[in-house]
Protein backbone atom coordinates (compact mmCIF):
# COMPACT_ATOMS: atom_id res chain seq x y z
CA UNK A 1 -28.75 30.88 62.42
CA UNK A 2 -31.03 28.64 60.34
CA UNK A 3 -33.91 31.04 61.02
CA UNK A 4 -31.98 33.94 59.52
CA UNK A 5 -31.17 31.95 56.39
CA UNK A 6 -34.80 30.90 55.99
CA UNK A 7 -36.08 34.42 56.61
CA UNK A 8 -33.62 35.77 54.05
CA UNK A 9 -34.72 33.16 51.57
CA UNK A 10 -38.41 33.95 51.99
CA UNK A 11 -38.44 37.70 52.60
CA UNK A 12 -36.14 38.58 49.71
CA UNK A 13 -37.02 35.63 47.49
CA UNK A 14 -39.68 37.47 45.54
CA UNK A 15 -37.33 40.38 44.88
CA UNK A 16 -34.63 37.98 43.69
CA UNK A 17 -37.10 36.21 41.38
CA UNK A 18 -38.02 39.58 39.89
CA UNK A 19 -34.47 39.90 38.51
CA UNK A 20 -35.62 37.57 35.75
CA UNK A 21 -38.21 38.98 33.36
CA UNK A 22 -40.13 35.72 32.98
CA UNK A 23 -40.32 35.15 36.73
CA UNK A 24 -41.41 38.77 37.28
CA UNK A 25 -44.10 38.22 34.62
CA UNK A 26 -45.29 35.01 36.32
CA UNK A 27 -45.28 36.67 39.76
CA UNK A 28 -47.21 39.70 38.48
CA UNK A 29 -49.73 37.43 36.76
CA UNK A 30 -50.20 35.31 39.89
CA UNK A 31 -50.49 38.43 42.07
CA UNK A 32 -53.20 39.64 39.69
CA UNK A 33 -55.10 36.36 40.13
CA UNK A 34 -54.52 35.11 36.59
CA UNK A 35 -54.50 31.48 35.48
CA UNK A 36 -50.93 30.96 34.26
CA UNK A 37 -51.65 27.43 33.06
CA UNK A 38 -50.26 24.08 34.13
CA UNK A 39 -46.84 24.69 32.60
CA UNK A 40 -46.70 28.20 34.06
CA UNK A 41 -47.25 26.77 37.53
CA UNK A 42 -44.73 24.00 36.85
CA UNK A 43 -42.03 26.42 35.65
CA UNK A 44 -42.76 28.77 38.52
CA UNK A 45 -42.41 25.97 41.06
CA UNK A 46 -39.26 24.57 39.42
CA UNK A 47 -37.53 27.94 39.78
CA UNK A 48 -39.17 29.54 42.82
CA UNK A 49 -38.52 26.57 45.13
CA UNK A 50 -34.92 27.77 45.38
CA UNK A 51 -35.94 31.27 46.52
CA UNK A 52 -39.18 30.87 48.48
CA UNK A 53 -39.94 28.69 51.45
CA UNK A 54 -42.56 26.03 50.85
CA UNK A 55 -45.34 28.02 52.55
CA UNK A 56 -44.74 31.08 50.38
CA UNK A 57 -44.44 28.95 47.25
CA UNK A 58 -47.76 27.25 48.03
CA UNK A 59 -49.49 30.56 48.82
CA UNK A 60 -48.21 32.10 45.59
CA UNK A 61 -49.40 29.14 43.51
CA UNK A 62 -52.81 29.39 45.18
CA UNK A 63 -53.24 32.87 43.70
CA UNK A 64 -53.87 31.08 40.40
CA UNK A 65 -57.65 30.50 40.29
CA UNK A 66 -57.13 27.17 38.49
CA UNK A 67 -54.94 25.83 41.31
CA UNK A 68 -56.38 24.53 44.55
CA UNK A 69 -54.59 23.48 47.74
CA UNK A 70 -54.34 19.84 46.71
CA UNK A 71 -52.92 20.71 43.28
CA UNK A 72 -50.40 23.18 44.73
CA UNK A 73 -49.14 20.67 47.28
CA UNK A 74 -48.96 17.89 44.68
CA UNK A 75 -47.01 20.12 42.29
CA UNK A 76 -44.54 21.16 44.97
CA UNK A 77 -44.08 17.53 46.02
CA UNK A 78 -43.59 16.44 42.39
CA UNK A 79 -40.95 19.11 41.74
CA UNK A 80 -39.11 18.34 44.98
CA UNK A 81 -39.51 14.56 44.76
CA UNK A 82 -38.17 14.37 41.23
CA UNK A 83 -35.60 17.08 42.00
CA UNK A 84 -36.42 19.01 38.83
CA UNK A 85 -33.80 21.53 37.79
CA UNK A 86 -34.99 24.93 36.61
CA UNK A 87 -35.84 24.64 32.91
CA UNK A 88 -33.63 26.00 30.18
CA UNK A 89 -35.06 28.63 27.82
CA UNK A 90 -35.70 26.01 25.12
CA UNK A 91 -37.80 23.94 27.51
CA UNK A 92 -39.78 27.01 28.60
CA UNK A 93 -40.61 27.73 24.96
CA UNK A 94 -41.68 24.08 24.46
CA UNK A 95 -43.96 24.38 27.49
CA UNK A 96 -45.33 27.69 26.23
CA UNK A 97 -46.30 26.10 22.90
CA UNK A 98 -48.54 23.68 24.81
CA UNK A 99 -50.73 26.26 26.52
CA UNK A 100 -52.47 29.57 25.93
CA UNK A 101 -50.85 31.66 28.68
CA UNK A 102 -47.50 33.09 27.49
CA UNK A 103 -44.70 32.04 29.85
CA UNK A 104 -42.08 34.01 27.96
CA UNK A 105 -43.35 37.55 27.43
CA UNK A 106 -40.67 38.31 24.82
CA UNK A 107 -39.71 35.04 23.08
CA UNK A 108 -37.93 36.88 20.23
CA UNK A 109 -35.23 38.02 22.67
CA UNK A 110 -32.64 35.20 22.90
CA UNK A 111 -31.89 36.17 26.52
CA UNK A 112 -35.55 36.21 27.58
CA UNK A 113 -36.72 33.37 29.81
CA UNK A 114 -33.21 32.23 30.61
CA UNK A 115 -33.37 31.93 34.40
CA UNK A 116 -29.71 30.92 34.52
CA UNK A 117 -28.70 34.31 33.12
CA UNK A 118 -30.36 36.36 35.87
CA UNK A 119 -30.62 34.11 38.91
CA UNK A 120 -28.00 32.39 41.04
CA UNK A 121 -28.98 28.86 42.06
CA UNK A 122 -27.34 26.64 44.66
CA UNK A 123 -24.22 24.84 43.41
CA UNK A 124 -26.10 21.53 43.59
CA UNK A 125 -28.33 22.65 40.68
CA UNK A 126 -25.34 23.22 38.42
CA UNK A 127 -23.78 19.92 39.51
CA UNK A 128 -27.04 18.10 38.76
CA UNK A 129 -27.16 19.61 35.27
CA UNK A 130 -23.51 18.76 34.61
CA UNK A 131 -24.02 15.16 35.77
CA UNK A 132 -27.08 14.82 33.52
CA UNK A 133 -25.25 16.19 30.46
CA UNK A 134 -22.25 13.93 31.09
CA UNK A 135 -24.50 10.87 31.39
CA UNK A 136 -26.34 11.84 28.22
CA UNK A 137 -23.07 12.40 26.32
CA UNK A 138 -21.72 9.08 27.57
CA UNK A 139 -24.88 7.28 26.48
CA UNK A 140 -24.73 8.85 23.01
CA UNK A 141 -21.01 8.11 22.83
CA UNK A 142 -21.66 4.39 23.39
CA UNK A 143 -24.32 4.40 20.68
CA UNK A 144 -21.95 6.01 18.20
CA UNK A 145 -20.32 3.62 15.69
CA UNK A 146 -17.04 5.48 16.22
CA UNK A 147 -17.14 4.85 19.98
CA UNK A 148 -14.20 2.82 21.09
CA UNK A 149 -12.18 3.32 17.92
CA UNK A 150 -9.60 5.77 19.17
């Protein structure tokens, strides 16, 4: 049973990722042997780890000529170890501004590079995001002078 789930994750993972224009762009660029930049590899790993098994994720990252085995493994471990959620569109655009390779092929389109619009992540991703936003709102609420004066 676990084998079927893993096979489904890996064998169809690339097709699922292609539902999102940015991820299709990153996959095509990697398949063509292009250097997608540090942030391109980071974004790719942050999203693709939910759709590819670790071997396929590593092999795909290694198609980038600027990424060697050690770097690919370190990036995968960093993303997993820190449990990074897939980045929101705004974060992708911030990353893009810091490198030459365009992560978002059509940044003028407000729906472009929004992985949450096109891809379905495990429920734990959405829970993690909700918990983070609640903690952030609570923190800002305590800092507010109006906090506590209800």
